[in-house]
PDB file of N, CA and C in Angstrom:
ATOM      1  N   UNK A   1     199.383 -41.304-150.499  1.00  0.00           N
ATOM      2  CA  UNK A   1     200.408 -40.503-149.256  1.00  0.00           C
ATOM      3  C   UNK A   1     199.968 -39.420-149.575  1.00  0.00           C
ATOM      4  N   UNK A   2     199.751 -38.687-150.527  1.00  0.00           N
ATOM      5  CA  UNK A   2     198.887 -37.529-150.825  1.00  0.00           C
ATOM      6  C   UNK A   2     198.028 -37.134-150.854  1.00  0.00           C
ATOM      7  N   UNK A   3     196.895 -38.216-150.762  1.00  0.00           N
ATOM      8  CA  UNK A   3     195.377 -38.308-149.840  1.00  0.00           C
ATOM      9  C   UNK A   3     195.459 -37.795-148.505  1.00  0.00           C
ATOM     10  N   UNK A   4     196.462 -38.998-147.417  1.00  0.00           N
ATOM     11  CA  UNK A   4     196.860 -38.476-146.550  1.00  0.00           C
ATOM     12  C   UNK A   4     197.116 -37.193-146.482  1.00  0.00           C
ATOM     13  N   UNK A   5     198.338 -36.427-146.810  1.00  0.00           N
ATOM     14  CA  UNK A   5     198.311 -35.316-146.470  1.00  0.00           C
ATOM     15  C   UNK A   5     197.237 -34.150-146.712  1.00  0.00           C
ATOM     16  N   UNK A   6     196.316 -34.689-147.943  1.00  0.00           N
ATOM     17  CA  UNK A   6     195.637 -33.914-148.110  1.00  0.00           C
ATOM     18  C   UNK A   6     194.200 -33.535-147.310  1.00  0.00           C
ATOM     19  N   UNK A   7     193.914 -34.872-146.393  1.00  0.00           N
ATOM     20  CA  UNK A   7     192.856 -34.984-145.706  1.00  0.00           C
ATOM     21  C   UNK A   7     193.421 -34.274-144.142  1.00  0.00           C
ATOM     22  N   UNK A   8     194.662 -34.210-144.103  1.00  0.00           N
ATOM     23  CA  UNK A   8     195.149 -33.282-142.916  1.00  0.00           C
ATOM     24  C   UNK A   8     195.442 -32.451-142.923  1.00  0.00           C
ATOM     25  N   UNK A   9     195.532 -31.266-144.075  1.00  0.00           N
ATOM     26  CA  UNK A   9     195.234 -30.097-144.839  1.00  0.00           C
ATOM     27  C   UNK A   9     194.128 -29.480-144.145  1.00  0.00           C
ATOM     28  N   UNK A  10     192.931 -29.999-144.798  1.00  0.00           N
ATOM     29  CA  UNK A  10     191.502 -29.837-145.327  1.00  0.00           C
ATOM     30  C   UNK A  10     191.272 -29.839-143.363  1.00  0.00           C
ATOM     31  N   UNK A  11     191.848 -30.995-142.980  1.00  0.00           N
ATOM     32  CA  UNK A  11     191.278 -30.788-141.177  1.00  0.00           C
ATOM     33  C   UNK A  11     191.455 -29.818-140.649  1.00  0.00           C
ATOM     34  N   UNK A  12     193.210 -29.402-140.743  1.00  0.00           N
ATOM     35  CA  UNK A  12     193.868 -28.254-139.947  1.00  0.00           C
ATOM     36  C   UNK A  12     193.051 -26.572-140.274  1.00  0.00           C
ATOM     37  N   UNK A  13     192.727 -26.865-141.769  1.00  0.00           N
ATOM     38  CA  UNK A  13     191.758 -25.773-142.291  1.00  0.00           C
ATOM     39  C   UNK A  13     190.479 -25.528-141.371  1.00  0.00           C
ATOM     40  N   UNK A  14     189.712 -26.247-141.537  1.00  0.00           N
ATOM     41  CA  UNK A  14     189.067 -26.582-140.743  1.00  0.00           C
ATOM     42  C   UNK A  14     188.533 -25.804-139.342  1.00  0.00           C
ATOM     43  N   UNK A  15     189.261 -26.572-138.288  1.00  0.00           N
ATOM     44  CA  UNK A  15     190.197 -26.458-137.164  1.00  0.00           C
ATOM     45  C   UNK A  15     190.175 -24.604-136.959  1.00  0.00           C
ATOM     46  N   UNK A  16     191.237 -24.035-138.089  1.00  0.00           N
ATOM     47  CA  UNK A  16     191.588 -22.559-138.570  1.00  0.00           C
ATOM     48  C   UNK A  16     190.002 -22.033-138.877  1.00  0.00           C
ATOM     49  N   UNK A  17     189.237 -22.290-138.948  1.00  0.00           N
ATOM     50  CA  UNK A  17     188.115 -21.345-139.967  1.00  0.00           C
ATOM     51  C   UNK A  17     187.144 -20.932-138.665  1.00  0.00           C
ATOM     52  N   UNK A  18     187.153 -21.185-137.778  1.00  0.00           N
ATOM     53  CA  UNK A  18     186.347 -20.726-136.402  1.00  0.00           C
ATOM     54  C   UNK A  18     187.038 -19.123-135.975  1.00  0.00           C
ATOM     55  N   UNK A  19     188.757 -19.416-136.341  1.00  0.00           N
ATOM     56  CA  UNK A  19     189.434 -18.216-135.451  1.00  0.00           C
ATOM     57  C   UNK A  19     189.943 -17.676-136.643  1.00  0.00           C
ATOM     58  N   UNK A  20     188.937 -17.619-138.422  1.00  0.00           N
ATOM     59  CA  UNK A  20     189.377 -16.468-138.946  1.00  0.00           C
ATOM     60  C   UNK A  20     187.849 -16.203-138.946  1.00  0.00           C
ATOM     61  N   UNK A  21     186.696 -16.211-137.970  1.00  0.00           N
ATOM     62  CA  UNK A  21     185.785 -15.282-138.541  1.00  0.00           C
ATOM     63  C   UNK A  21     185.728 -14.907-137.001  1.00  0.00           C
ATOM     64  N   UNK A  22     186.240 -14.865-136.099  1.00  0.00           N
ATOM     65  CA  UNK A  22     186.190 -13.983-134.488  1.00  0.00           C
ATOM     66  C   UNK A  22     186.814 -12.628-135.005  1.00  0.00           C
ATOM     67  N   UNK A  23     185.906 -12.037-134.864  1.00  0.00           N
ATOM     68  CA  UNK A  23     186.093 -10.196-134.784  1.00  0.00           C
ATOM     69  C   UNK A  23     187.260  -9.637-134.131  1.00  0.00           C
ATOM     70  N   UNK A  24     187.743 -10.767-132.699  1.00  0.00           N
ATOM     71  CA  UNK A  24     188.653 -10.041-132.345  1.00  0.00           C
ATOM     72  C   UNK A  24     190.289 -10.396-133.068  1.00  0.00           C
ATOM     73  N   UNK A  25     190.093 -11.229-133.476  1.00  0.00           N
ATOM     74  CA  UNK A  25     191.163 -12.119-134.446  1.00  0.00           C
ATOM     75  C   UNK A  25     191.423 -11.244-135.538  1.00  0.00           C
ATOM     76  N   UNK A  26     190.650 -10.973-135.957  1.00  0.00           N
ATOM     77  CA  UNK A  26     189.778 -10.455-137.724  1.00  0.00           C
ATOM     78  C   UNK A  26     191.094  -8.591-137.950  1.00  0.00           C
ATOM     79  N   UNK A  27     190.282  -7.874-136.544  1.00  0.00           N
ATOM     80  CA  UNK A  27     190.115  -6.685-136.228  1.00  0.00           C
ATOM     81  C   UNK A  27     190.958  -6.575-135.863  1.00  0.00           C
ATOM     82  N   UNK A  28     191.002  -7.055-134.446  1.00  0.00           N
ATOM     83  CA  UNK A  28     192.135  -6.268-133.312  1.00  0.00           C
ATOM     84  C   UNK A  28     192.876  -6.558-133.340  1.00  0.00           C
ATOM     85  N   UNK A  29     193.671  -7.697-132.967  1.00  0.00           N
ATOM     86  CA  UNK A  29     194.979  -8.162-133.238  1.00  0.00           C
ATOM     87  C   UNK A  29     195.965  -7.074-134.546  1.00  0.00           C
ATOM     88  N   UNK A  30     195.079  -6.630-135.468  1.00  0.00           N
ATOM     89  CA  UNK A  30     196.100  -6.203-136.542  1.00  0.00           C
ATOM     90  C   UNK A  30     196.436  -4.923-136.165  1.00  0.00           C
ATOM     91  N   UNK A  31     194.962  -4.532-135.286  1.00  0.00           N
ATOM     92  CA  UNK A  31     194.977  -2.709-134.591  1.00  0.00           C
ATOM     93  C   UNK A  31     196.149  -2.738-133.991  1.00  0.00           C
ATOM     94  N   UNK A  32     196.253  -3.408-133.295  1.00  0.00           N
ATOM     95  CA  UNK A  32     196.581  -3.420-131.849  1.00  0.00           C
ATOM     96  C   UNK A  32     198.468  -4.206-132.380  1.00  0.00           C
ATOM     97  N   UNK A  33     198.887  -4.644-133.437  1.00  0.00           N
ATOM     98  CA  UNK A  33     199.976  -4.631-133.577  1.00  0.00           C
ATOM     99  C   UNK A  33     200.566  -2.869-134.512  1.00  0.00           C
ATOM    100  N   UNK A  34     199.966  -2.662-135.201  1.00  0.00           N
ATOM    101  CA  UNK A  34     199.577  -1.271-135.811  1.00  0.00           C
ATOM    102  C   UNK A  34     200.009  -0.501-134.947  1.00  0.00           C
ATOM    103  N   UNK A  35     199.298  -0.090-133.478  1.00  0.00           N
ATOM    104  CA  UNK A  35     199.629   0.747-132.943  1.00  0.00           C
ATOM    105  C   UNK A  35     201.023   0.638-132.075  1.00  0.00           C
ATOM    106  N   UNK A  36     200.984  -0.421-131.287  1.00  0.00           N
ATOM    107  CA  UNK A  36     202.152  -0.731-131.169  1.00  0.00           C
ATOM    108  C   UNK A  36     203.966  -0.428-131.822  1.00  0.00           C
ATOM    109  N   UNK A  37     204.003  -0.751-133.145  1.00  0.00           N
ATOM    110  CA  UNK A  37     204.103  -0.851-133.918  1.00  0.00           C
ATOM    111  C   UNK A  37     204.463   0.565-134.749  1.00  0.00           C
ATOM    112  N   UNK A  38     203.660   1.174-134.605  1.00  0.00           N
ATOM    113  CA  UNK A  38     203.622   2.530-135.213  1.00  0.00           C
ATOM    114  C   UNK A  38     204.562   3.085-133.844  1.00  0.00           C
ATOM    115  N   UNK A  39     204.374   3.036-132.726  1.00  0.00           N
ATOM    116  CA  UNK A  39     204.329   3.630-131.472  1.00  0.00           C
ATOM    117  C   UNK A  39     206.562   3.142-131.293  1.00  0.00           C
ATOM    118  N   UNK A  40     206.480   1.816-131.948  1.00  0.00           N
ATOM    119  CA  UNK A  40     208.210   2.132-131.762  1.00  0.00           C
ATOM    120  C   UNK A  40     209.143   2.835-132.716  1.00  0.00           C
ATOM    121  N   UNK A  41     207.997   2.510-134.506  1.00  0.00           N
ATOM    122  CA  UNK A  41     208.255   3.669-135.923  1.00  0.00           C
ATOM    123  C   UNK A  41     208.867   4.721-134.939  1.00  0.00           C
ATOM    124  N   UNK A  42     207.848   5.480-134.621  1.00  0.00           N
ATOM    125  CA  UNK A  42     207.472   7.459-134.409  1.00  0.00           C
ATOM    126  C   UNK A  42     209.463   7.261-133.194  1.00  0.00           C
ATOM    127  N   UNK A  43     209.506   6.519-132.531  1.00  0.00           N
ATOM    128  CA  UNK A  43     210.607   6.403-131.302  1.00  0.00           C
ATOM    129  C   UNK A  43     211.763   6.639-132.503  1.00  0.00           C
ATOM    130  N   UNK A  44     211.716   5.845-133.324  1.00  0.00           N
ATOM    131  CA  UNK A  44     212.832   5.367-134.254  1.00  0.00           C
ATOM    132  C   UNK A  44     212.799   6.607-134.836  1.00  0.00           C
ATOM    133  N   UNK A  45     211.932   7.436-135.342  1.00  0.00           N
ATOM    134  CA  UNK A  45     211.648   8.681-136.637  1.00  0.00           C
ATOM    135  C   UNK A  45     212.631   9.832-135.772  1.00  0.00           C
ATOM    136  N   UNK A  46     211.983   9.626-134.575  1.00  0.00           N
ATOM    137  CA  UNK A  46     211.961  11.123-133.672  1.00  0.00           C
ATOM    138  C   UNK A  46     213.362  10.850-133.582  1.00  0.00           C
ATOM    139  N   UNK A  47     214.234  10.501-132.883  1.00  0.00           N
ATOM    140  CA  UNK A  47     215.539   9.920-132.181  1.00  0.00           C
ATOM    141  C   UNK A  47     216.165  10.502-133.382  1.00  0.00           C
ATOM    142  N   UNK A  48     216.504  10.302-134.331  1.00  0.00           N
ATOM    143  CA  UNK A  48     216.930  10.640-135.763  1.00  0.00           C
ATOM    144  C   UNK A  48     216.553  12.036-135.981  1.00  0.00           C
ATOM    145  N   UNK A  49     215.824  12.842-136.052  1.00  0.00           N
ATOM    146  CA  UNK A  49     215.582  13.512-135.796  1.00  0.00           C
ATOM    147  C   UNK A  49     216.090  14.974-134.599  1.00  0.00           C
ATOM    148  N   UNK A  50     215.811  14.329-133.526  1.00  0.00           N
ATOM    149  CA  UNK A  50     216.740  14.857-132.088  1.00  0.00           C
ATOM    150  C   UNK A  50     218.389  14.551-132.398  1.00  0.00           C
ATOM    151  N   UNK A  51     219.025  13.997-133.196  1.00  0.00           N
ATOM    152  CA  UNK A  51     220.013  13.369-133.818  1.00  0.00           C
ATOM    153  C   UNK A  51     220.866  14.231-134.411  1.00  0.00           C
ATOM    154  N   UNK A  52     220.009  14.859-135.436  1.00  0.00           N
ATOM    155  CA  UNK A  52     220.613  15.188-136.560  1.00  0.00           C
ATOM    156  C   UNK A  52     219.981  17.359-136.122  1.00  0.00           C
ATOM    157  N   UNK A  53     219.382  17.338-135.359  1.00  0.00           N
ATOM    158  CA  UNK A  53     219.579  18.352-134.442  1.00  0.00           C
ATOM    159  C   UNK A  53     220.340  18.859-133.642  1.00  0.00           C
ATOM    160  N   UNK A  54     221.272  17.686-132.996  1.00  0.00           N
ATOM    161  CA  UNK A  54     222.529  18.095-132.384  1.00  0.00           C
ATOM    162  C   UNK A  54     223.889  18.189-133.180  1.00  0.00           C
ATOM    163  N   UNK A  55     223.697  17.335-134.352  1.00  0.00           N
ATOM    164  CA  UNK A  55     225.017  17.733-135.255  1.00  0.00           C
ATOM    165  C   UNK A  55     224.574  18.732-136.218  1.00  0.00           C
ATOM    166  N   UNK A  56     223.330  19.714-135.895  1.00  0.00           N
ATOM    167  CA  UNK A  56     223.022  21.312-136.437  1.00  0.00           C
ATOM    168  C   UNK A  56     223.728  21.734-135.302  1.00  0.00           C
ATOM    169  N   UNK A  57     223.736  21.988-134.296  1.00  0.00           N
ATOM    170  CA  UNK A  57     224.131  22.983-133.239  1.00  0.00           C
ATOM    171  C   UNK A  57     225.504  23.288-132.968  1.00  0.00           C
ATOM    172  N   UNK A  58     226.113  22.153-133.326  1.00  0.00           N
ATOM    173  CA  UNK A  58     227.451  21.662-133.164  1.00  0.00           C
ATOM    174  C   UNK A  58     228.084  23.400-134.469  1.00  0.00           C
ATOM    175  N   UNK A  59     228.570  24.337-133.432  1.00  0.00           N
ATOM    176  CA  UNK A  59     229.123  25.263-134.854  1.00  0.00           C
ATOM    177  C   UNK A  59     230.360  25.606-135.014  1.00  0.00           C
ATOM    178  N   UNK A  60     231.641  26.278-135.641  1.00  0.00           N
ATOM    179  CA  UNK A  60     232.911  26.346-135.542  1.00  0.00           C
ATOM    180  C   UNK A  60     232.704  27.582-134.632  1.00  0.00           C
ATOM    181  N   UNK A  61     233.974  27.106-133.841  1.00  0.00           N
ATOM    182  CA  UNK A  61     234.043  28.278-132.248  1.00  0.00           C
ATOM    183  C   UNK A  61     233.737  29.600-132.636  1.00  0.00           C
ATOM    184  N   UNK A  62     235.403  30.059-133.677  1.00  0.00           N
ATOM    185  CA  UNK A  62     234.786  31.103-134.028  1.00  0.00           C
ATOM    186  C   UNK A  62     233.352  31.914-134.344  1.00  0.00           C
ATOM    187  N   UNK A  63     232.783  30.807-135.312  1.00  0.00           N
ATOM    188  CA  UNK A  63     231.445  32.082-135.131  1.00  0.00           C
ATOM    189  C   UNK A  63     230.547  31.649-133.512  1.00  0.00           C
ATOM    190  N   UNK A  64     230.847  30.704-133.234  1.00  0.00           N
ATOM    191  CA  UNK A  64     229.959  31.101-132.079  1.00  0.00           C
ATOM    192  C   UNK A  64     230.222  32.294-130.586  1.00  0.00           C
ATOM    193  N   UNK A  65     231.939  32.478-131.147  1.00  0.00           N
ATOM    194  CA  UNK A  65     232.298  33.710-130.239  1.00  0.00           C
ATOM    195  C   UNK A  65     231.814  35.296-130.803  1.00  0.00           C
ATOM    196  N   UNK A  66     231.853  35.422-132.463  1.00  0.00           N
ATOM    197  CA  UNK A  66     231.407  36.220-132.893  1.00  0.00           C
ATOM    198  C   UNK A  66     229.366  36.293-132.248  1.00  0.00           C
ATOM    199  N   UNK A  67     228.961  35.143-132.541  1.00  0.00           N
ATOM    200  CA  UNK A  67     227.686  35.345-131.684  1.00  0.00           C
ATOM    201  C   UNK A  67     227.922  35.417-130.582  1.00  0.00           C
ATOM    202  N   UNK A  68     228.311  35.193-129.863  1.00  0.00           N
ATOM    203  CA  UNK A  68     228.629  35.832-128.306  1.00  0.00           C
ATOM    204  C   UNK A  68     229.060  37.092-128.545  1.00  0.00           C
ATOM    205  N   UNK A  69     229.667  38.071-129.418  1.00  0.00           N
ATOM    206  CA  UNK A  69     230.216  38.672-128.681  1.00  0.00           C
ATOM    207  C   UNK A  69     229.431  40.229-129.505  1.00  0.00           C
ATOM    208  N   UNK A  70     228.541  39.904-130.415  1.00  0.00           N
ATOM    209  CA  UNK A  70     226.988  40.750-130.751  1.00  0.00           C
ATOM    210  C   UNK A  70     226.060  40.168-130.496  1.00  0.00           C
ATOM    211  N   UNK A  71     225.909  40.499-129.235  1.00  0.00           N
ATOM    212  CA  UNK A  71     224.394  40.525-129.057  1.00  0.00           C
ATOM    213  C   UNK A  71     223.517  41.314-128.915  1.00  0.00           C
ATOM    214  N   UNK A  72     222.421  41.051-129.534  1.00  0.00           N
ATOM    215  CA  UNK A  72     221.425  41.868-130.042  1.00  0.00           C
ATOM    216  C   UNK A  72     220.113  41.629-129.031  1.00  0.00           C
ATOM    217  N   UNK A  73     219.785  42.939-128.372  1.00  0.00           N
ATOM    218  CA  UNK A  73     219.292  42.794-127.704  1.00  0.00           C
ATOM    219  C   UNK A  73     217.645  43.234-128.146  1.00  0.00           C
ATOM    220  N   UNK A  74     216.587  43.207-127.360  1.00  0.00           N
ATOM    221  CA  UNK A  74     215.122  44.008-127.344  1.00  0.00           C
ATOM    222  C   UNK A  74     215.764  45.337-126.830  1.00  0.00           C
ATOM    223  N   UNK A  75     216.119  45.915-126.225  1.00  0.00           N
ATOM    224  CA  UNK A  75     216.766  47.485-125.963  1.00  0.00           C
ATOM    225  C   UNK A  75     217.430  48.184-126.742  1.00  0.00           C
ATOM    226  N   UNK A  76     218.769  47.373-127.108  1.00  0.00           N
ATOM    227  CA  UNK A  76     219.750  48.024-128.255  1.00  0.00           C
ATOM    228  C   UNK A  76     218.698  48.101-129.154  1.00  0.00           C
ATOM    229  N   UNK A  77     217.635  46.979-129.860  1.00  0.00           N
ATOM    230  CA  UNK A  77     217.039  47.197-130.818  1.00  0.00           C
ATOM    231  C   UNK A  77     215.849  48.614-131.054  1.00  0.00           C
ATOM    232  N   UNK A  78     215.434  48.761-129.621  1.00  0.00           N
ATOM    233  CA  UNK A  78     214.330  49.637-129.526  1.00  0.00           C
ATOM    234  C   UNK A  78     215.598  51.547-129.252  1.00  0.00           C
ATOM    235  N   UNK A  79     216.714  51.274-128.920  1.00  0.00           N
ATOM    236  CA  UNK A  79     217.142  52.813-129.144  1.00  0.00           C
ATOM    237  C   UNK A  79     217.737  52.984-130.553  1.00  0.00           C
ATOM    238  N   UNK A  80     217.580  51.996-131.244  1.00  0.00           N
ATOM    239  CA  UNK A  80     218.146  52.393-132.786  1.00  0.00           C
ATOM    240  C   UNK A  80     216.502  52.724-133.186  1.00  0.00           C
ATOM    241  N   UNK A  81     215.597  52.443-132.685  1.00  0.00           N
ATOM    242  CA  UNK A  81     214.154  52.740-133.339  1.00  0.00           C
ATOM    243  C   UNK A  81     214.057  54.183-133.378  1.00  0.00           C
ATOM    244  N   UNK A  82     214.107  54.154-131.914  1.00  0.00           N
ATOM    245  CA  UNK A  82     213.317  55.274-131.257  1.00  0.00           C
ATOM    246  C   UNK A  82     213.797  56.669-131.588  1.00  0.00           C
ATOM    247  N   UNK A  83     214.808  57.365-132.087  1.00  0.00           N
ATOM    248  CA  UNK A  83     215.224  58.455-133.025  1.00  0.00           C
ATOM    249  C   UNK A  83     214.699  58.432-134.261  1.00  0.00           C
ATOM    250  N   UNK A  84     213.795  57.122-134.908  1.00  0.00           N
ATOM    251  CA  UNK A  84     214.100  57.477-136.205  1.00  0.00           C
ATOM    252  C   UNK A  84     212.238  57.992-136.728  1.00  0.00           C
ATOM    253  N   UNK A  85     212.072  59.059-137.373  1.00  0.00           N
ATOM    254  CA  UNK A  85     211.134  59.797-138.502  1.00  0.00           C
ATOM    255  C   UNK A  85     210.329  58.463-139.078  1.00  0.00           C
ATOM    256  N   UNK A  86     208.930  58.423-139.084  1.00  0.00           N
ATOM    257  CA  UNK A  86     208.260  57.544-139.382  1.00  0.00           C
ATOM    258  C   UNK A  86     207.411  58.106-140.191  1.00  0.00           C
ATOM    259  N   UNK A  87     207.127  59.710-140.071  1.00  0.00           N
ATOM    260  CA  UNK A  87     206.176  60.060-141.184  1.00  0.00           C
ATOM    261  C   UNK A  87     206.198  60.650-142.474  1.00  0.00           C
ATOM    262  N   UNK A  88     207.515  60.809-142.683  1.00  0.00           N
ATOM    263  CA  UNK A  88     207.290  61.044-144.454  1.00  0.00           C
ATOM    264  C   UNK A  88     207.902  59.896-144.784  1.00  0.00           C
ATOM    265  N   UNK A  89     207.771  58.358-144.895  1.00  0.00           N
ATOM    266  CA  UNK A  89     207.568  57.010-145.572  1.00  0.00           C
ATOM    267  C   UNK A  89     206.895  56.727-146.848  1.00  0.00           C
ATOM    268  N   UNK A  90     207.406  56.440-147.458  1.00  0.00           N
ATOM    269  CA  UNK A  90     206.301  56.127-148.939  1.00  0.00           C
ATOM    270  C   UNK A  90     206.060  54.871-149.246  1.00  0.00           C
ATOM    271  N   UNK A  91     204.661  54.839-149.423  1.00  0.00           N
ATOM    272  CA  UNK A  91     204.748  53.103-149.958  1.00  0.00           C
ATOM    273  C   UNK A  91     204.213  52.653-151.225  1.00  0.00           C
ATOM    274  N   UNK A  92     205.583  51.887-150.957  1.00  0.00           N
ATOM    275  CA  UNK A  92     205.834  51.177-152.372  1.00  0.00           C
ATOM    276  C   UNK A  92     205.396  49.823-152.757  1.00  0.00           C
ATOM    277  N   UNK A  93     204.456  49.771-153.587  1.00  0.00           N
ATOM    278  CA  UNK A  93     203.935  48.400-153.458  1.00  0.00           C
ATOM    279  C   UNK A  93     204.820  47.526-154.667  1.00  0.00           C
ATOM    280  N   UNK A  94     204.654  46.561-154.657  1.00  0.00           N
ATOM    281  CA  UNK A  94     205.841  45.449-155.145  1.00  0.00           C
ATOM    282  C   UNK A  94     204.809  44.737-156.449  1.00  0.00           C
ATOM    283  N   UNK A  95     206.149  44.705-157.457  1.00  0.00           N
ATOM    284  CA  UNK A  95     205.355  44.023-158.631  1.00  0.00           C
ATOM    285  C   UNK A  95     204.554  42.822-158.984  1.00  0.00           C
ATOM    286  N   UNK A  96     203.644  42.421-159.002  1.00  0.00           N
ATOM    287  CA  UNK A  96     202.545  41.538-159.230  1.00  0.00           C
ATOM    288  C   UNK A  96     203.318  40.274-159.846  1.00  0.00           C
ATOM    289  N   UNK A  97     203.066  38.960-159.682  1.00  0.00           N
ATOM    290  CA  UNK A  97     202.998  37.934-160.338  1.00  0.00           C
ATOM    291  C   UNK A  97     203.488  38.220-162.303  1.00  0.00           C
ATOM    292  N   UNK A  98     202.460  38.987-162.959  1.00  0.00           N
ATOM    293  CA  UNK A  98     202.515  38.967-164.028  1.00  0.00           C
ATOM    294  C   UNK A  98     203.258  40.020-164.227  1.00  0.00           C
ATOM    295  N   UNK A  99     203.246  41.126-163.581  1.00  0.00           N
ATOM    296  CA  UNK A  99     204.332  42.064-164.029  1.00  0.00           C
ATOM    297  C   UNK A  99     205.955  41.760-164.054  1.00  0.00           C
ATOM    298  N   UNK A 100     206.370  42.426-164.775  1.00  0.00           N
ATOM    299  CA  UNK A 100     207.507  42.438-164.998  1.00  0.00           C
ATOM    300  C   UNK A 100     208.683  43.029-163.452  1.00  0.00           C
ATOM    301  N   UNK A 101     209.522  42.503-163.350  1.00  0.00           N
ATOM    302  CA  UNK A 101     209.890  43.242-161.699  1.00  0.00           C
ATOM    303  C   UNK A 101     211.106  44.580-162.144  1.00  0.00           C
ATOM    304  N   UNK A 102     211.528  44.471-163.219  1.00  0.00           N
ATOM    305  CA  UNK A 102     212.551  45.938-163.279  1.00  0.00           C
ATOM    306  C   UNK A 102     211.527  46.674-164.313  1.00  0.00           C
ATOM    307  N   UNK A 103     211.284  46.034-164.574  1.00  0.00           N
ATOM    308  CA  UNK A 103     210.700  47.594-165.649  1.00  0.00           C
ATOM    309  C   UNK A 103     209.515  47.833-164.972  1.00  0.00           C
ATOM    310  N   UNK A 104     209.230  47.636-163.328  1.00  0.00           N
ATOM    311  CA  UNK A 104     207.916  48.016-162.721  1.00  0.00           C
ATOM    312  C   UNK A 104     208.475  49.050-161.791  1.00  0.00           C
ATOM    313  N   UNK A 105     210.026  48.725-161.169  1.00  0.00           N
ATOM    314  CA  UNK A 105     210.954  49.053-160.730  1.00  0.00           C
ATOM    315  C   UNK A 105     210.846  50.373-161.132  1.00  0.00           C
ATOM    316  N   UNK A 106     211.547  50.750-162.098  1.00  0.00           N
ATOM    317  CA  UNK A 106     212.203  51.607-162.860  1.00  0.00           C
ATOM    318  C   UNK A 106     210.972  52.271-162.885  1.00  0.00           C
ATOM    319  N   UNK A 107     209.981  52.135-163.198  1.00  0.00           N
ATOM    320  CA  UNK A 107     208.927  53.474-163.928  1.00  0.00           C
ATOM    321  C   UNK A 107     208.594  53.461-162.130  1.00  0.00           C
ATOM    322  N   UNK A 108     208.346  53.103-161.255  1.00  0.00           N
ATOM    323  CA  UNK A 108     208.359  53.538-159.708  1.00  0.00           C
ATOM    324  C   UNK A 108     209.306  54.620-159.413  1.00  0.00           C
ATOM    325  N   UNK A 109     210.603  54.152-159.631  1.00  0.00           N
ATOM    326  CA  UNK A 109     211.461  55.599-159.432  1.00  0.00           C
ATOM    327  C   UNK A 109     210.814  56.779-160.757  1.00  0.00           C
ATOM    328  N   UNK A 110     211.165  56.618-161.090  1.00  0.00           N
ATOM    329  CA  UNK A 110     211.237  57.439-161.880  1.00  0.00           C
ATOM    330  C   UNK A 110     209.695  58.573-161.828  1.00  0.00           C
ATOM    331  N   UNK A 111     208.620  57.664-161.074  1.00  0.00           N
ATOM    332  CA  UNK A 111     207.503  58.217-160.534  1.00  0.00           C
ATOM    333  C   UNK A 111     207.756  59.214-159.652  1.00  0.00           C
ATOM    334  N   UNK A 112     208.922  58.542-158.462  1.00  0.00           N
ATOM    335  CA  UNK A 112     209.226  59.104-157.232  1.00  0.00           C
ATOM    336  C   UNK A 112     210.773  60.218-157.358  1.00  0.00           C
ATOM    337  N   UNK A 113     210.947  60.260-158.784  1.00  0.00           N
ATOM    338  CA  UNK A 113     211.673  61.184-158.873  1.00  0.00           C
ATOM    339  C   UNK A 113     211.324  62.513-159.473  1.00  0.00           C
ATOM    340  N   UNK A 114     210.418  62.346-159.944  1.00  0.00           N
ATOM    341  CA  UNK A 114     209.779  63.512-160.894  1.00  0.00           C
ATOM    342  C   UNK A 114     207.894  64.261-159.643  1.00  0.00           C
ATOM    343  N   UNK A 115     207.825  63.564-159.300  1.00  0.00           N
ATOM    344  CA  UNK A 115     207.091  63.593-158.196  1.00  0.00           C
ATOM    345  C   UNK A 115     207.214  64.754-156.593  1.00  0.00           C
ATOM    346  N   UNK A 116     207.224  66.309-157.129  1.00  0.00           N
ATOM    347  CA  UNK A 116     208.473  66.826-155.307  1.00  0.00           C
ATOM    348  C   UNK A 116     207.565  65.908-154.524  1.00  0.00           C
ATOM    349  N   UNK A 117     208.166  66.816-153.260  1.00  0.00           N
ATOM    350  CA  UNK A 117     207.546  65.532-151.721  1.00  0.00           C
ATOM    351  C   UNK A 117     206.693  66.678-151.146  1.00  0.00           C
TER     352      UNK A 117
END
C-alpha cells in the first residue's frame, strides 16, 4: 500500500519537474503576484492615510470661528513690516551644540550692554 502511494507521488513529482524549470512560472508568476498584491496593499494604506486626514481636519467649531475671524493675509503682514527699520539690527549667533546655551546667552547680553552702539 505504501509502495503504491510512494510510486504515485514520484510520478506526480516527475510531471511537475518541467513546470519547476519553466522560467515564466518560476520568476514571472511571483513577480506578477507581487505587483498586483502590492497595488491592492498600497490602496489600503493610502485609504488609511486619507481617513486619518479627514479625522484631523475636524476641529472644534469655536476654534474654527476664531480662525475665520483672524484672517491673516499677505497684504496685512506687508503693512506691518513696511514701516519697520532694519538698519540697526544686530546679528547674534546662537550657541554651538557643545557650548552651554545659558552661559553663552549671558555672555552675549553682557557684551551687548557693555558696548555702546
